[in-house]
Amino acid sequence: MQEITVGVDGMMCGMCESHVNDAVRTAFPVKKVSSSHGAGKTVIVTEEDIPDEKIREVIDKTGYTVTGITRKPYEKKGFFARFKKSE
């Protein structure tokens, strides 16, 4: 799985976050998506690779602007993540 962080300009409130999240969920098979207008970003967790141009296209259609896209392997966070075995 991978975590895709998308910089999004123009979100001003919780409804803006919902619009972006709904657009991403509708367009792609994602495990999780969350947006923050304060941080100006959307974080997508997915098993499948999503091309940058497709992400830009979907978010641009909502009226917001993509300012950048970064990717990294997804690491599940939670209580038990602290107790991972080290080899």
N, C-alpha and C. Protein backbone atom coordinates (compact mmCIF):
# COMPACT_ATOMS: atom_id res chain seq x y z
N MET A 1 0.85 -1.18 0.00
CA MET A 1 0.00 0.00 0.00
C MET A 1 0.89 1.23 0.00
N GLN A 2 0.33 2.30 -0.52
CA GLN A 2 1.08 3.54 -0.54
C GLN A 2 0.23 4.70 -0.05
N GLU A 3 0.93 5.71 0.44
CA GLU A 3 0.29 6.93 0.91
C GLU A 3 0.67 8.05 -0.05
N ILE A 4 -0.33 8.66 -0.64
CA ILE A 4 -0.12 9.75 -1.59
C ILE A 4 -0.58 11.03 -0.93
N THR A 5 0.32 11.98 -0.78
CA THR A 5 -0.03 13.27 -0.20
C THR A 5 -0.12 14.29 -1.32
N VAL A 6 -1.27 14.93 -1.41
CA VAL A 6 -1.54 15.88 -2.48
C VAL A 6 -1.71 17.27 -1.87
N GLY A 7 -0.89 18.22 -2.29
CA GLY A 7 -1.08 19.60 -1.88
C GLY A 7 -2.27 20.16 -2.64
N VAL A 8 -3.22 20.74 -1.91
CA VAL A 8 -4.43 21.25 -2.55
C VAL A 8 -4.65 22.70 -2.11
N ASP A 9 -4.70 23.60 -3.07
CA ASP A 9 -4.92 25.02 -2.79
C ASP A 9 -6.38 25.37 -3.04
N GLY A 10 -6.96 26.18 -2.17
CA GLY A 10 -8.31 26.66 -2.37
C GLY A 10 -9.34 26.12 -1.39
N MET A 11 -8.98 25.08 -0.62
CA MET A 11 -9.95 24.57 0.36
C MET A 11 -10.02 25.57 1.51
N MET A 12 -11.26 25.95 1.91
CA MET A 12 -11.43 26.96 2.95
C MET A 12 -12.19 26.45 4.18
N CYS A 13 -12.82 25.27 4.07
CA CYS A 13 -13.66 24.81 5.19
C CYS A 13 -13.85 23.30 5.11
N GLY A 14 -14.61 22.78 6.05
CA GLY A 14 -14.90 21.36 6.09
C GLY A 14 -15.66 20.86 4.88
N MET A 15 -16.55 21.67 4.34
CA MET A 15 -17.29 21.26 3.14
C MET A 15 -16.34 21.12 1.95
N CYS A 16 -15.35 21.99 1.86
CA CYS A 16 -14.35 21.88 0.80
C CYS A 16 -13.62 20.54 0.92
N GLU A 17 -13.25 20.19 2.14
CA GLU A 17 -12.58 18.91 2.38
C GLU A 17 -13.47 17.75 1.92
N SER A 18 -14.76 17.83 2.25
CA SER A 18 -15.71 16.78 1.86
C SER A 18 -15.84 16.66 0.35
N HIS A 19 -15.86 17.79 -0.35
CA HIS A 19 -15.95 17.76 -1.81
C HIS A 19 -14.76 17.03 -2.42
N VAL A 20 -13.56 17.35 -1.93
CA VAL A 20 -12.35 16.71 -2.45
C VAL A 20 -12.37 15.22 -2.10
N ASN A 21 -12.68 14.88 -0.85
CA ASN A 21 -12.71 13.47 -0.43
C ASN A 21 -13.70 12.67 -1.26
N ASP A 22 -14.90 13.21 -1.47
CA ASP A 22 -15.92 12.51 -2.25
C ASP A 22 -15.48 12.31 -3.69
N ALA A 23 -14.85 13.32 -4.27
CA ALA A 23 -14.37 13.20 -5.65
C ALA A 23 -13.31 12.11 -5.78
N VAL A 24 -12.40 12.05 -4.82
CA VAL A 24 -11.34 11.03 -4.85
C VAL A 24 -11.94 9.64 -4.65
N ARG A 25 -12.84 9.51 -3.68
CA ARG A 25 -13.48 8.19 -3.42
C ARG A 25 -14.27 7.70 -4.64
N THR A 26 -14.93 8.60 -5.33
CA THR A 26 -15.74 8.24 -6.50
C THR A 26 -14.85 7.81 -7.67
N ALA A 27 -13.71 8.47 -7.82
CA ALA A 27 -12.86 8.24 -9.00
C ALA A 27 -11.89 7.07 -8.85
N PHE A 28 -11.48 6.76 -7.62
CA PHE A 28 -10.42 5.77 -7.42
C PHE A 28 -10.79 4.76 -6.33
N PRO A 29 -10.23 3.54 -6.42
CA PRO A 29 -10.44 2.54 -5.37
C PRO A 29 -9.46 2.79 -4.22
N VAL A 30 -9.84 3.63 -3.28
CA VAL A 30 -8.94 3.99 -2.18
C VAL A 30 -9.36 3.29 -0.90
N LYS A 31 -8.40 3.08 -0.02
CA LYS A 31 -8.68 2.52 1.30
C LYS A 31 -9.10 3.62 2.26
N LYS A 32 -8.47 4.80 2.10
CA LYS A 32 -8.76 5.92 2.99
C LYS A 32 -8.39 7.21 2.28
N VAL A 33 -9.16 8.26 2.55
CA VAL A 33 -8.81 9.59 2.05
C VAL A 33 -9.23 10.60 3.10
N SER A 34 -8.36 11.55 3.37
CA SER A 34 -8.70 12.62 4.32
C SER A 34 -8.04 13.91 3.84
N SER A 35 -8.77 14.99 4.03
CA SER A 35 -8.28 16.31 3.60
C SER A 35 -8.26 17.25 4.78
N SER A 36 -7.37 18.23 4.70
CA SER A 36 -7.28 19.28 5.73
C SER A 36 -7.14 20.62 5.03
N HIS A 37 -8.15 21.49 5.20
CA HIS A 37 -8.04 22.81 4.58
C HIS A 37 -6.97 23.63 5.28
N GLY A 38 -6.77 23.42 6.58
CA GLY A 38 -5.75 24.16 7.32
C GLY A 38 -4.34 23.82 6.85
N ALA A 39 -4.10 22.54 6.60
CA ALA A 39 -2.79 22.10 6.13
C ALA A 39 -2.67 22.21 4.62
N GLY A 40 -3.81 22.37 3.93
CA GLY A 40 -3.79 22.47 2.48
C GLY A 40 -3.37 21.18 1.80
N LYS A 41 -3.86 20.04 2.33
CA LYS A 41 -3.46 18.78 1.72
C LYS A 41 -4.54 17.72 1.83
N THR A 42 -4.42 16.74 0.97
CA THR A 42 -5.27 15.55 0.96
C THR A 42 -4.34 14.35 1.00
N VAL A 43 -4.65 13.40 1.88
CA VAL A 43 -3.84 12.19 1.99
C VAL A 43 -4.69 11.00 1.54
N ILE A 44 -4.15 10.25 0.58
CA ILE A 44 -4.84 9.11 0.00
C ILE A 44 -4.06 7.85 0.34
N VAL A 45 -4.73 6.83 0.86
CA VAL A 45 -4.12 5.53 1.10
C VAL A 45 -4.75 4.56 0.12
N THR A 46 -3.92 3.91 -0.68
CA THR A 46 -4.43 3.03 -1.73
C THR A 46 -3.50 1.84 -1.95
N GLU A 47 -4.08 0.75 -2.43
CA GLU A 47 -3.28 -0.41 -2.81
C GLU A 47 -2.81 -0.30 -4.24
N GLU A 48 -3.59 0.39 -5.06
CA GLU A 48 -3.27 0.53 -6.48
C GLU A 48 -2.59 1.87 -6.74
N ASP A 49 -1.68 1.89 -7.70
CA ASP A 49 -1.04 3.14 -8.06
C ASP A 49 -2.04 4.02 -8.81
N ILE A 50 -2.04 5.28 -8.49
CA ILE A 50 -2.91 6.24 -9.18
C ILE A 50 -1.99 7.26 -9.86
N PRO A 51 -2.05 7.37 -11.17
CA PRO A 51 -1.18 8.32 -11.88
C PRO A 51 -1.43 9.77 -11.44
N ASP A 52 -0.35 10.53 -11.33
CA ASP A 52 -0.45 11.93 -10.91
C ASP A 52 -1.44 12.72 -11.76
N GLU A 53 -1.39 12.51 -13.07
CA GLU A 53 -2.26 13.29 -13.96
C GLU A 53 -3.74 13.00 -13.70
N LYS A 54 -4.07 11.77 -13.30
CA LYS A 54 -5.46 11.43 -12.98
C LYS A 54 -5.90 12.12 -11.69
N ILE A 55 -5.00 12.15 -10.70
CA ILE A 55 -5.31 12.83 -9.44
C ILE A 55 -5.55 14.31 -9.71
N ARG A 56 -4.66 14.92 -10.48
CA ARG A 56 -4.81 16.34 -10.82
C ARG A 56 -6.14 16.61 -11.52
N GLU A 57 -6.46 15.75 -12.47
CA GLU A 57 -7.70 15.91 -13.25
C GLU A 57 -8.93 15.88 -12.35
N VAL A 58 -9.00 14.91 -11.44
CA VAL A 58 -10.16 14.76 -10.55
C VAL A 58 -10.28 15.94 -9.59
N ILE A 59 -9.17 16.36 -9.00
CA ILE A 59 -9.22 17.47 -8.05
C ILE A 59 -9.46 18.79 -8.75
N ASP A 60 -8.87 18.98 -9.92
CA ASP A 60 -9.12 20.21 -10.69
C ASP A 60 -10.61 20.38 -11.01
N LYS A 61 -11.29 19.27 -11.29
CA LYS A 61 -12.72 19.33 -11.60
C LYS A 61 -13.56 19.82 -10.43
N THR A 62 -13.03 19.70 -9.20
CA THR A 62 -13.76 20.17 -8.03
C THR A 62 -13.59 21.67 -7.83
N GLY A 63 -12.67 22.28 -8.58
CA GLY A 63 -12.45 23.72 -8.47
C GLY A 63 -11.25 24.09 -7.62
N TYR A 64 -10.52 23.10 -7.11
CA TYR A 64 -9.33 23.34 -6.32
C TYR A 64 -8.10 23.05 -7.17
N THR A 65 -6.95 23.50 -6.70
CA THR A 65 -5.72 23.38 -7.48
C THR A 65 -4.71 22.48 -6.78
N VAL A 66 -4.18 21.51 -7.50
CA VAL A 66 -3.14 20.63 -6.96
C VAL A 66 -1.81 21.38 -7.03
N THR A 67 -1.12 21.45 -5.89
CA THR A 67 0.15 22.17 -5.84
C THR A 67 1.35 21.23 -5.80
N GLY A 68 1.11 19.95 -5.57
CA GLY A 68 2.20 18.99 -5.55
C GLY A 68 1.71 17.63 -5.12
N ILE A 69 2.46 16.59 -5.49
CA ILE A 69 2.10 15.21 -5.13
C ILE A 69 3.35 14.48 -4.68
N THR A 70 3.28 13.84 -3.51
CA THR A 70 4.39 13.01 -3.03
C THR A 70 3.84 11.65 -2.65
N ARG A 71 4.72 10.66 -2.69
CA ARG A 71 4.33 9.28 -2.39
C ARG A 71 5.32 8.65 -1.42
N LYS A 72 4.81 7.76 -0.59
CA LYS A 72 5.67 6.95 0.27
C LYS A 72 4.92 5.68 0.64
N PRO A 73 5.65 4.64 1.03
CA PRO A 73 4.96 3.42 1.46
C PRO A 73 4.10 3.74 2.69
N TYR A 74 2.92 3.13 2.73
CA TYR A 74 2.00 3.37 3.84
C TYR A 74 2.39 2.50 5.02
N GLU A 75 2.50 3.12 6.17
CA GLU A 75 2.74 2.40 7.41
C GLU A 75 1.55 2.62 8.32
N LYS A 76 0.90 1.53 8.67
CA LYS A 76 -0.28 1.63 9.51
C LYS A 76 0.11 2.22 10.86
N LYS A 77 -0.67 3.20 11.29
CA LYS A 77 -0.41 3.84 12.57
C LYS A 77 -1.44 3.34 13.56
N GLY A 78 -1.05 3.25 14.78
CA GLY A 78 -1.97 2.80 15.81
C GLY A 78 -1.21 2.34 17.02
N PHE A 79 -1.94 1.90 18.00
CA PHE A 79 -1.35 1.51 19.27
C PHE A 79 -0.30 0.42 19.11
N PHE A 80 -0.62 -0.62 18.34
CA PHE A 80 0.28 -1.75 18.23
C PHE A 80 1.45 -1.51 17.27
N ALA A 81 1.40 -0.46 16.50
CA ALA A 81 2.50 -0.15 15.57
C ALA A 81 3.79 0.11 16.34
N ARG A 82 3.68 0.57 17.57
CA ARG A 82 4.86 0.84 18.40
C ARG A 82 5.59 -0.43 18.80
N PHE A 83 4.91 -1.55 18.74
CA PHE A 83 5.48 -2.80 19.24
C PHE A 83 5.92 -3.72 18.12
N LYS A 84 6.29 -3.14 16.98
CA LYS A 84 6.75 -3.94 15.85
C LYS A 84 8.03 -4.68 16.24
N LYS A 85 8.13 -5.88 15.73
CA LYS A 85 9.37 -6.64 15.96
C LYS A 85 10.49 -6.02 15.14
N SER A 86 11.63 -5.85 15.75
CA SER A 86 12.79 -5.40 14.97
C SER A 86 13.68 -6.60 14.73
N GLU A 87 14.12 -6.71 13.50
CA GLU A 87 14.92 -7.88 13.14
C GLU A 87 16.35 -7.48 12.91
